[in-house]
């Protein structure tokens, strides 16, 4: 389990280091590069939850996030001796949570600085600005849910079939 917590710790350090850099290099300045249409680094303060959504009050979001951290530790402990994919996914989510939660509790906002543009037919004309912690949570969710929906239980469901085939072969011999 320690190796997965080290993944989380690396993500937290990377997230906070890049946010510090964004404050120093980007705050109060025009985005970089100046002609950045598809990709740009643009300082933003997010006082709301992910993608600046506001339908849940922030104190409730903070309480839910802290509860989620305990759940993540529990799940990480449960998966520690199983397949590596859900553990890595949970470690990414945990690293992302520890990247954003302290900042939100201390400052009252999260520093975002990565921005992408998408074709106008997509949901947003410009994707909401995000950070390393947000990316870690999204990658972690993809890894974890990919395992849960496409792998977990599939290995176990093969065993009874194999045993049935072996039983049929031994009884016909």
N, C-alpha and C. Protein backbone atom coordinates (compact mmCIF):
# COMPACT_ATOMS: atom_id res chain seq x y z
N UNK A 1 0.83 -1.19 0.00
CA UNK A 1 0.00 0.00 0.00
C UNK A 1 0.87 1.26 0.00
N UNK A 2 2.06 1.15 0.56
CA UNK A 2 2.95 2.29 0.64
C UNK A 2 3.36 2.80 -0.74
N UNK A 3 3.53 1.87 -1.69
CA UNK A 3 3.92 2.32 -3.04
C UNK A 3 2.81 3.13 -3.69
N UNK A 4 1.56 2.80 -3.38
CA UNK A 4 0.45 3.56 -3.95
C UNK A 4 0.31 4.92 -3.26
N UNK A 5 0.57 4.96 -1.95
CA UNK A 5 0.54 6.24 -1.25
C UNK A 5 1.68 7.13 -1.72
N UNK A 6 2.79 6.53 -2.15
CA UNK A 6 3.89 7.34 -2.69
C UNK A 6 3.49 7.97 -4.02
N UNK A 7 2.67 7.28 -4.80
CA UNK A 7 2.14 7.88 -6.04
C UNK A 7 1.32 9.11 -5.68
N UNK A 8 0.46 8.97 -4.67
CA UNK A 8 -0.36 10.11 -4.22
C UNK A 8 0.53 11.26 -3.77
N UNK A 9 1.55 10.95 -2.99
CA UNK A 9 2.45 12.00 -2.48
C UNK A 9 3.17 12.72 -3.61
N UNK A 10 3.63 11.99 -4.60
CA UNK A 10 4.30 12.61 -5.76
C UNK A 10 3.33 13.55 -6.48
N UNK A 11 2.09 13.12 -6.64
CA UNK A 11 1.10 13.97 -7.31
C UNK A 11 0.81 15.23 -6.50
N UNK A 12 0.74 15.10 -5.17
CA UNK A 12 0.50 16.28 -4.32
C UNK A 12 1.65 17.28 -4.47
N UNK A 13 2.88 16.79 -4.41
CA UNK A 13 4.05 17.67 -4.55
C UNK A 13 4.04 18.33 -5.93
N UNK A 14 3.80 17.56 -6.97
CA UNK A 14 3.76 18.10 -8.33
C UNK A 14 2.65 19.14 -8.47
N UNK A 15 1.49 18.85 -7.91
CA UNK A 15 0.36 19.77 -7.99
C UNK A 15 0.68 21.09 -7.28
N UNK A 16 1.16 21.00 -6.05
CA UNK A 16 1.44 22.23 -5.30
C UNK A 16 2.60 23.02 -5.90
N UNK A 17 3.60 22.33 -6.43
CA UNK A 17 4.71 23.02 -7.08
C UNK A 17 4.24 23.77 -8.33
N UNK A 18 3.39 23.14 -9.12
CA UNK A 18 2.91 23.81 -10.34
C UNK A 18 1.95 24.95 -10.00
N UNK A 19 1.18 24.81 -8.94
CA UNK A 19 0.29 25.91 -8.53
C UNK A 19 1.12 27.09 -8.03
N UNK A 20 2.17 26.80 -7.28
CA UNK A 20 3.06 27.87 -6.82
C UNK A 20 3.68 28.58 -8.02
N UNK A 21 4.13 27.78 -8.99
CA UNK A 21 4.69 28.37 -10.21
C UNK A 21 3.65 29.24 -10.91
N UNK A 22 2.41 28.76 -10.99
CA UNK A 22 1.35 29.52 -11.66
C UNK A 22 1.10 30.85 -10.95
N UNK A 23 1.14 30.84 -9.63
CA UNK A 23 0.94 32.09 -8.88
C UNK A 23 2.07 33.07 -9.20
N UNK A 24 3.30 32.58 -9.19
CA UNK A 24 4.46 33.45 -9.42
C UNK A 24 4.54 33.90 -10.88
N UNK A 25 4.34 32.99 -11.80
CA UNK A 25 4.60 33.28 -13.22
C UNK A 25 3.38 33.79 -13.98
N UNK A 26 2.17 33.45 -13.55
CA UNK A 26 1.00 33.76 -14.37
C UNK A 26 0.02 34.75 -13.75
N UNK A 27 -0.02 34.84 -12.43
CA UNK A 27 -1.02 35.70 -11.79
C UNK A 27 -0.84 37.15 -12.21
N UNK A 28 -1.93 37.74 -12.65
CA UNK A 28 -1.91 39.14 -13.06
C UNK A 28 -1.33 39.38 -14.45
N UNK A 29 -1.03 38.32 -15.15
CA UNK A 29 -0.44 38.46 -16.49
C UNK A 29 -1.36 37.85 -17.53
N UNK A 30 -1.11 38.21 -18.78
CA UNK A 30 -1.84 37.62 -19.89
C UNK A 30 -1.44 36.16 -20.02
N UNK A 31 -2.33 35.34 -20.50
CA UNK A 31 -2.02 33.91 -20.61
C UNK A 31 -0.82 33.66 -21.51
N UNK A 32 -0.23 32.46 -21.33
CA UNK A 32 0.94 32.07 -22.10
C UNK A 32 0.65 30.78 -22.85
N UNK A 33 1.00 30.61 -24.08
CA UNK A 33 1.55 31.62 -24.98
C UNK A 33 0.46 32.60 -25.41
N UNK A 34 0.88 33.77 -25.79
CA UNK A 34 -0.06 34.85 -26.11
C UNK A 34 -1.00 34.48 -27.25
N UNK A 35 -0.54 33.63 -28.15
CA UNK A 35 -1.39 33.19 -29.26
C UNK A 35 -1.97 31.80 -29.00
N UNK A 36 -2.02 31.40 -27.74
CA UNK A 36 -2.49 30.06 -27.40
C UNK A 36 -3.98 29.88 -27.64
N UNK A 37 -4.30 29.29 -28.76
CA UNK A 37 -5.70 29.03 -29.07
C UNK A 37 -6.13 27.66 -28.57
N UNK A 38 -5.38 26.62 -28.93
CA UNK A 38 -5.73 25.27 -28.50
C UNK A 38 -5.34 25.03 -27.05
N UNK A 39 -4.12 25.38 -26.67
CA UNK A 39 -3.62 25.17 -25.31
C UNK A 39 -2.98 26.45 -24.80
N UNK A 40 -3.26 26.74 -23.53
CA UNK A 40 -2.59 27.88 -22.91
C UNK A 40 -2.57 27.72 -21.39
N UNK A 41 -1.63 28.41 -20.77
CA UNK A 41 -1.53 28.46 -19.33
C UNK A 41 -2.11 29.81 -18.89
N UNK A 42 -3.16 29.75 -18.09
CA UNK A 42 -3.92 30.95 -17.76
C UNK A 42 -4.33 30.87 -16.29
N UNK A 43 -3.82 31.77 -15.46
CA UNK A 43 -4.09 31.76 -14.03
C UNK A 43 -5.58 32.00 -13.76
N UNK A 44 -6.15 31.17 -12.88
CA UNK A 44 -7.55 31.36 -12.48
C UNK A 44 -7.72 30.91 -11.04
N UNK A 45 -8.62 31.55 -10.33
CA UNK A 45 -8.96 31.15 -8.97
C UNK A 45 -10.37 30.57 -9.00
N UNK A 46 -10.48 29.31 -8.63
CA UNK A 46 -11.77 28.63 -8.66
C UNK A 46 -12.34 28.59 -7.24
N UNK A 47 -13.38 29.38 -7.01
CA UNK A 47 -14.03 29.45 -5.70
C UNK A 47 -15.17 28.44 -5.57
N UNK A 48 -15.39 27.68 -6.60
CA UNK A 48 -16.46 26.70 -6.60
C UNK A 48 -15.88 25.29 -6.68
N UNK A 49 -16.71 24.33 -7.02
CA UNK A 49 -16.18 22.98 -7.15
C UNK A 49 -15.74 22.75 -8.58
N UNK A 50 -15.50 21.50 -8.94
CA UNK A 50 -14.95 21.15 -10.25
C UNK A 50 -15.72 21.84 -11.38
N UNK A 51 -15.01 22.33 -12.33
CA UNK A 51 -15.55 23.03 -13.49
C UNK A 51 -16.36 24.26 -13.08
N UNK A 52 -16.08 24.81 -11.91
CA UNK A 52 -16.74 26.00 -11.37
C UNK A 52 -18.25 25.82 -11.17
N UNK A 53 -18.67 24.59 -10.95
CA UNK A 53 -20.08 24.33 -10.70
C UNK A 53 -20.46 24.86 -9.31
N UNK A 54 -21.69 25.32 -9.18
CA UNK A 54 -22.09 25.99 -7.93
C UNK A 54 -23.35 25.41 -7.29
N UNK A 55 -23.82 24.27 -7.72
CA UNK A 55 -25.10 23.79 -7.20
C UNK A 55 -25.03 23.17 -5.81
N UNK A 56 -23.84 23.00 -5.24
CA UNK A 56 -23.69 22.51 -3.88
C UNK A 56 -22.90 23.55 -3.10
N UNK A 57 -23.37 23.94 -1.91
CA UNK A 57 -22.61 24.94 -1.13
C UNK A 57 -21.21 24.43 -0.79
N UNK A 58 -20.23 25.32 -0.82
CA UNK A 58 -18.84 24.93 -0.61
C UNK A 58 -18.58 24.25 0.74
N UNK A 59 -19.18 24.67 1.85
CA UNK A 59 -18.93 23.92 3.09
C UNK A 59 -19.33 22.45 2.98
N UNK A 60 -20.43 22.18 2.27
CA UNK A 60 -20.85 20.79 2.06
C UNK A 60 -19.88 20.06 1.13
N UNK A 61 -19.38 20.74 0.12
CA UNK A 61 -18.39 20.14 -0.78
C UNK A 61 -17.15 19.76 0.01
N UNK A 62 -16.71 20.63 0.90
CA UNK A 62 -15.52 20.35 1.71
C UNK A 62 -15.73 19.15 2.63
N UNK A 63 -16.89 19.07 3.27
CA UNK A 63 -17.19 17.93 4.14
C UNK A 63 -17.23 16.64 3.32
N UNK A 64 -17.87 16.69 2.15
CA UNK A 64 -17.94 15.50 1.29
C UNK A 64 -16.55 15.09 0.83
N UNK A 65 -15.69 16.05 0.53
CA UNK A 65 -14.33 15.75 0.08
C UNK A 65 -13.52 15.08 1.19
N UNK A 66 -13.67 15.56 2.41
CA UNK A 66 -12.95 14.96 3.53
C UNK A 66 -13.46 13.53 3.78
N UNK A 67 -14.76 13.33 3.71
CA UNK A 67 -15.32 11.97 3.83
C UNK A 67 -14.81 11.08 2.70
N UNK A 68 -14.70 11.64 1.51
CA UNK A 68 -14.21 10.86 0.37
C UNK A 68 -12.77 10.41 0.59
N UNK A 69 -11.97 11.22 1.25
CA UNK A 69 -10.59 10.83 1.52
C UNK A 69 -10.55 9.57 2.39
N UNK A 70 -11.40 9.54 3.42
CA UNK A 70 -11.46 8.34 4.27
C UNK A 70 -11.90 7.13 3.47
N UNK A 71 -12.89 7.32 2.59
CA UNK A 71 -13.35 6.22 1.73
C UNK A 71 -12.23 5.76 0.80
N UNK A 72 -11.46 6.70 0.26
CA UNK A 72 -10.35 6.35 -0.63
C UNK A 72 -9.29 5.53 0.10
N UNK A 73 -8.95 5.92 1.32
CA UNK A 73 -8.00 5.13 2.11
C UNK A 73 -8.53 3.71 2.34
N UNK A 74 -9.81 3.61 2.66
CA UNK A 74 -10.42 2.30 2.89
C UNK A 74 -10.36 1.44 1.62
N UNK A 75 -10.77 2.02 0.50
CA UNK A 75 -10.75 1.28 -0.77
C UNK A 75 -9.34 0.89 -1.17
N UNK A 76 -8.39 1.79 -0.97
CA UNK A 76 -7.00 1.50 -1.29
C UNK A 76 -6.50 0.33 -0.45
N UNK A 77 -6.89 0.30 0.80
CA UNK A 77 -6.52 -0.82 1.67
C UNK A 77 -7.17 -2.13 1.18
N UNK A 78 -8.42 -2.05 0.74
CA UNK A 78 -9.12 -3.24 0.26
C UNK A 78 -8.50 -3.81 -1.01
N UNK A 79 -8.02 -2.96 -1.89
CA UNK A 79 -7.47 -3.40 -3.18
C UNK A 79 -5.97 -3.66 -3.13
N UNK A 80 -5.31 -3.41 -2.00
CA UNK A 80 -3.84 -3.42 -1.94
C UNK A 80 -3.21 -4.72 -2.41
N UNK A 81 -3.85 -5.85 -2.20
CA UNK A 81 -3.27 -7.14 -2.60
C UNK A 81 -3.92 -7.71 -3.85
N UNK A 82 -4.71 -6.91 -4.52
CA UNK A 82 -5.40 -7.37 -5.71
C UNK A 82 -4.75 -6.76 -6.95
N UNK A 83 -5.51 -6.61 -7.98
CA UNK A 83 -5.04 -6.04 -9.24
C UNK A 83 -4.47 -4.64 -9.01
N UNK A 84 -3.42 -4.28 -9.73
CA UNK A 84 -2.73 -3.01 -9.53
C UNK A 84 -3.54 -1.82 -10.08
N UNK A 85 -4.37 -2.04 -11.09
CA UNK A 85 -5.09 -0.95 -11.76
C UNK A 85 -6.00 -0.16 -10.82
N UNK A 86 -6.86 -0.78 -10.02
CA UNK A 86 -7.69 0.05 -9.14
C UNK A 86 -6.87 0.77 -8.08
N UNK A 87 -5.80 0.16 -7.62
CA UNK A 87 -4.96 0.80 -6.60
C UNK A 87 -4.27 2.04 -7.16
N UNK A 88 -3.78 1.97 -8.38
CA UNK A 88 -3.17 3.14 -9.01
C UNK A 88 -4.23 4.21 -9.23
N UNK A 89 -5.41 3.80 -9.70
CA UNK A 89 -6.50 4.77 -9.89
C UNK A 89 -6.87 5.46 -8.59
N UNK A 90 -7.01 4.70 -7.51
CA UNK A 90 -7.34 5.28 -6.21
C UNK A 90 -6.22 6.18 -5.70
N UNK A 91 -4.97 5.80 -5.96
CA UNK A 91 -3.84 6.64 -5.56
C UNK A 91 -3.87 7.97 -6.30
N UNK A 92 -4.22 7.97 -7.57
CA UNK A 92 -4.34 9.21 -8.34
C UNK A 92 -5.45 10.08 -7.76
N UNK A 93 -6.60 9.47 -7.47
CA UNK A 93 -7.73 10.24 -6.91
C UNK A 93 -7.34 10.83 -5.55
N UNK A 94 -6.70 10.03 -4.73
CA UNK A 94 -6.27 10.49 -3.42
C UNK A 94 -5.25 11.64 -3.54
N UNK A 95 -4.31 11.51 -4.45
CA UNK A 95 -3.34 12.59 -4.69
C UNK A 95 -4.02 13.87 -5.15
N UNK A 96 -5.00 13.73 -6.02
CA UNK A 96 -5.75 14.90 -6.48
C UNK A 96 -6.55 15.54 -5.36
N UNK A 97 -7.15 14.70 -4.52
CA UNK A 97 -7.92 15.23 -3.39
C UNK A 97 -7.01 16.00 -2.44
N UNK A 98 -5.85 15.43 -2.13
CA UNK A 98 -4.92 16.11 -1.23
C UNK A 98 -4.26 17.31 -1.90
N UNK A 99 -4.37 17.41 -3.21
CA UNK A 99 -3.87 18.58 -3.90
C UNK A 99 -4.82 19.76 -3.76
N UNK A 100 -6.11 19.50 -3.84
CA UNK A 100 -7.10 20.58 -3.84
C UNK A 100 -7.72 20.90 -2.49
N UNK A 101 -7.97 19.89 -1.67
CA UNK A 101 -8.71 20.14 -0.42
C UNK A 101 -7.99 21.11 0.51
N UNK A 102 -6.71 20.91 0.82
CA UNK A 102 -6.08 21.87 1.74
C UNK A 102 -6.10 23.30 1.19
N UNK A 103 -5.92 23.43 -0.10
CA UNK A 103 -5.93 24.75 -0.72
C UNK A 103 -7.30 25.41 -0.57
N UNK A 104 -8.33 24.62 -0.79
CA UNK A 104 -9.69 25.14 -0.68
C UNK A 104 -10.01 25.53 0.77
N UNK A 105 -9.55 24.73 1.72
CA UNK A 105 -9.81 25.01 3.13
C UNK A 105 -9.00 26.22 3.62
N UNK A 106 -7.77 26.37 3.16
CA UNK A 106 -6.90 27.45 3.64
C UNK A 106 -7.16 28.75 2.90
N UNK A 107 -7.16 28.71 1.56
CA UNK A 107 -7.32 29.93 0.77
C UNK A 107 -8.77 30.28 0.47
N UNK A 108 -9.61 29.25 0.41
CA UNK A 108 -10.99 29.47 0.01
C UNK A 108 -11.20 29.29 -1.49
N UNK A 109 -10.14 28.99 -2.20
CA UNK A 109 -10.21 28.75 -3.64
C UNK A 109 -9.06 27.83 -4.05
N UNK A 110 -9.16 27.32 -5.27
CA UNK A 110 -8.12 26.47 -5.84
C UNK A 110 -7.53 27.19 -7.04
N UNK A 111 -6.21 27.14 -7.16
CA UNK A 111 -5.53 27.74 -8.31
C UNK A 111 -5.62 26.78 -9.48
N UNK A 112 -6.16 27.27 -10.59
CA UNK A 112 -6.21 26.53 -11.84
C UNK A 112 -5.39 27.29 -12.87
N UNK A 113 -4.81 26.56 -13.83
CA UNK A 113 -3.96 27.28 -14.80
C UNK A 113 -3.84 26.58 -16.15
N UNK A 114 -4.39 25.41 -16.34
CA UNK A 114 -4.29 24.70 -17.61
C UNK A 114 -5.60 24.87 -18.36
N UNK A 115 -5.52 25.30 -19.60
CA UNK A 115 -6.73 25.58 -20.37
C UNK A 115 -6.60 25.05 -21.79
N UNK A 116 -7.64 24.37 -22.26
CA UNK A 116 -7.70 23.85 -23.62
C UNK A 116 -8.93 24.40 -24.31
N UNK A 117 -8.82 24.57 -25.61
CA UNK A 117 -9.95 24.98 -26.42
C UNK A 117 -10.46 23.76 -27.17
N UNK A 118 -11.75 23.66 -27.32
CA UNK A 118 -12.37 22.55 -28.04
C UNK A 118 -13.20 23.12 -29.17
N UNK A 119 -13.53 22.32 -30.14
CA UNK A 119 -14.42 22.80 -31.21
C UNK A 119 -15.73 23.34 -30.60
N UNK A 120 -16.30 24.32 -31.25
CA UNK A 120 -17.51 24.97 -30.73
C UNK A 120 -18.70 24.03 -30.59
N UNK A 121 -18.69 22.90 -31.28
CA UNK A 121 -19.82 21.98 -31.16
C UNK A 121 -19.76 21.17 -29.88
N UNK A 122 -18.62 21.22 -29.18
CA UNK A 122 -18.49 20.50 -27.91
C UNK A 122 -19.26 21.26 -26.84
N UNK A 123 -19.43 20.66 -25.68
CA UNK A 123 -20.23 21.23 -24.60
C UNK A 123 -19.79 22.65 -24.23
N UNK A 124 -18.48 22.88 -24.16
CA UNK A 124 -17.94 24.21 -23.86
C UNK A 124 -17.20 24.72 -25.10
N UNK A 125 -17.18 26.02 -25.29
CA UNK A 125 -16.33 26.54 -26.36
C UNK A 125 -14.88 26.55 -25.90
N UNK A 126 -14.64 26.73 -24.62
CA UNK A 126 -13.30 26.59 -24.03
C UNK A 126 -13.48 25.78 -22.76
N UNK A 127 -12.73 24.68 -22.67
CA UNK A 127 -12.84 23.80 -21.50
C UNK A 127 -12.50 24.59 -20.24
N UNK A 128 -13.19 24.35 -19.14
CA UNK A 128 -12.84 25.08 -17.90
C UNK A 128 -11.37 24.86 -17.52
N UNK A 129 -10.77 25.88 -16.97
CA UNK A 129 -9.38 25.83 -16.56
C UNK A 129 -9.24 24.84 -15.40
N UNK A 130 -8.15 24.07 -15.39
CA UNK A 130 -7.96 23.04 -14.37
C UNK A 130 -6.51 22.99 -13.94
N UNK A 131 -6.17 22.02 -13.09
CA UNK A 131 -4.81 21.90 -12.57
C UNK A 131 -4.40 20.43 -12.53
N UNK A 132 -3.22 20.15 -11.99
CA UNK A 132 -2.70 18.78 -11.94
C UNK A 132 -3.59 17.89 -11.07
N UNK A 133 -4.06 18.44 -9.93
CA UNK A 133 -4.91 17.65 -9.04
C UNK A 133 -6.20 17.24 -9.74
N UNK A 134 -6.82 18.16 -10.48
CA UNK A 134 -8.04 17.83 -11.24
C UNK A 134 -7.76 16.73 -12.26
N UNK A 135 -6.61 16.84 -12.93
CA UNK A 135 -6.23 15.82 -13.92
C UNK A 135 -6.03 14.47 -13.25
N UNK A 136 -5.38 14.48 -12.08
CA UNK A 136 -5.14 13.23 -11.36
C UNK A 136 -6.45 12.56 -10.96
N UNK A 137 -7.41 13.34 -10.50
CA UNK A 137 -8.71 12.78 -10.12
C UNK A 137 -9.39 12.16 -11.34
N UNK A 138 -9.36 12.86 -12.46
CA UNK A 138 -10.01 12.33 -13.67
C UNK A 138 -9.33 11.08 -14.20
N UNK A 139 -8.00 11.08 -14.25
CA UNK A 139 -7.28 9.88 -14.70
C UNK A 139 -7.53 8.73 -13.73
N UNK A 140 -7.50 9.02 -12.43
CA UNK A 140 -7.77 8.00 -11.43
C UNK A 140 -9.16 7.40 -11.56
N UNK A 141 -10.15 8.24 -11.81
CA UNK A 141 -11.52 7.75 -11.99
C UNK A 141 -11.62 6.85 -13.21
N UNK A 142 -10.96 7.23 -14.29
CA UNK A 142 -10.98 6.39 -15.50
C UNK A 142 -10.34 5.04 -15.21
N UNK A 143 -9.19 5.03 -14.54
CA UNK A 143 -8.52 3.76 -14.22
C UNK A 143 -9.37 2.91 -13.29
N UNK A 144 -9.87 3.51 -12.23
CA UNK A 144 -10.64 2.75 -11.24
C UNK A 144 -11.95 2.24 -11.83
N UNK A 145 -12.72 3.11 -12.46
CA UNK A 145 -14.00 2.68 -13.03
C UNK A 145 -13.80 1.73 -14.21
N UNK A 146 -12.73 1.93 -14.97
CA UNK A 146 -12.42 0.98 -16.05
C UNK A 146 -12.21 -0.41 -15.48
N UNK A 147 -11.48 -0.49 -14.38
CA UNK A 147 -11.28 -1.79 -13.72
C UNK A 147 -12.60 -2.35 -13.22
N UNK A 148 -13.37 -1.54 -12.52
CA UNK A 148 -14.63 -2.02 -11.92
C UNK A 148 -15.60 -2.51 -12.98
N UNK A 149 -15.73 -1.77 -14.08
CA UNK A 149 -16.72 -2.12 -15.10
C UNK A 149 -16.25 -3.17 -16.10
N UNK A 150 -14.95 -3.23 -16.37
CA UNK A 150 -14.49 -4.09 -17.44
C UNK A 150 -13.61 -5.26 -17.01
N UNK A 151 -13.06 -5.22 -15.80
CA UNK A 151 -12.14 -6.29 -15.40
C UNK A 151 -12.60 -7.01 -14.15
N UNK A 152 -12.98 -6.25 -13.12
CA UNK A 152 -13.33 -6.85 -11.84
C UNK A 152 -14.48 -7.85 -12.01
N UNK A 153 -14.29 -9.02 -11.45
CA UNK A 153 -15.31 -10.06 -11.54
C UNK A 153 -15.21 -10.90 -12.79
N UNK A 154 -14.56 -10.40 -13.83
CA UNK A 154 -14.44 -11.17 -15.07
C UNK A 154 -13.50 -12.35 -14.87
N UNK A 155 -12.41 -12.15 -14.08
CA UNK A 155 -11.47 -13.25 -13.83
C UNK A 155 -12.16 -14.36 -13.04
N UNK A 156 -12.96 -13.96 -12.04
CA UNK A 156 -13.65 -14.93 -11.20
C UNK A 156 -14.73 -15.67 -11.97
N UNK A 157 -15.39 -14.98 -12.90
CA UNK A 157 -16.47 -15.62 -13.64
C UNK A 157 -15.95 -16.66 -14.62
N UNK A 158 -14.67 -16.61 -14.97
CA UNK A 158 -14.10 -17.60 -15.86
C UNK A 158 -13.84 -18.93 -15.15
N UNK A 159 -13.56 -18.89 -13.86
CA UNK A 159 -13.22 -20.11 -13.11
C UNK A 159 -14.33 -21.16 -13.15
N UNK A 160 -15.60 -20.82 -12.86
CA UNK A 160 -16.64 -21.86 -12.90
C UNK A 160 -16.80 -22.47 -14.29
N UNK A 161 -16.65 -21.69 -15.34
CA UNK A 161 -16.77 -22.21 -16.70
C UNK A 161 -15.65 -23.21 -16.96
N UNK A 162 -14.43 -22.83 -16.58
CA UNK A 162 -13.30 -23.73 -16.79
C UNK A 162 -13.49 -25.03 -16.02
N UNK A 163 -14.01 -24.94 -14.79
CA UNK A 163 -14.24 -26.14 -13.99
C UNK A 163 -15.32 -27.01 -14.60
N UNK A 164 -16.35 -26.36 -15.17
CA UNK A 164 -17.42 -27.11 -15.82
C UNK A 164 -16.87 -27.85 -17.02
N UNK A 165 -16.05 -27.21 -17.80
CA UNK A 165 -15.45 -27.85 -18.98
C UNK A 165 -14.57 -29.00 -18.56
N UNK A 166 -13.75 -28.79 -17.51
CA UNK A 166 -12.88 -29.86 -17.03
C UNK A 166 -13.69 -31.04 -16.53
N UNK A 167 -14.79 -30.76 -15.83
CA UNK A 167 -15.65 -31.82 -15.30
C UNK A 167 -16.28 -32.61 -16.43
N UNK A 168 -16.75 -31.90 -17.47
CA UNK A 168 -17.37 -32.57 -18.61
C UNK A 168 -16.33 -33.44 -19.34
N UNK A 169 -15.11 -32.93 -19.51
CA UNK A 169 -14.06 -33.68 -20.20
C UNK A 169 -13.68 -34.92 -19.40
N UNK A 170 -13.59 -34.82 -18.08
CA UNK A 170 -13.21 -35.99 -17.28
C UNK A 170 -14.32 -37.00 -17.22
N UNK A 171 -15.58 -36.57 -17.29
CA UNK A 171 -16.68 -37.54 -17.23
C UNK A 171 -16.86 -38.26 -18.58
N UNK A 172 -16.46 -37.65 -19.69
CA UNK A 172 -16.59 -38.30 -20.99
C UNK A 172 -15.42 -39.25 -21.26
N UNK A 173 -14.34 -39.15 -20.52
CA UNK A 173 -13.17 -40.00 -20.75
C UNK A 173 -13.32 -41.36 -20.20
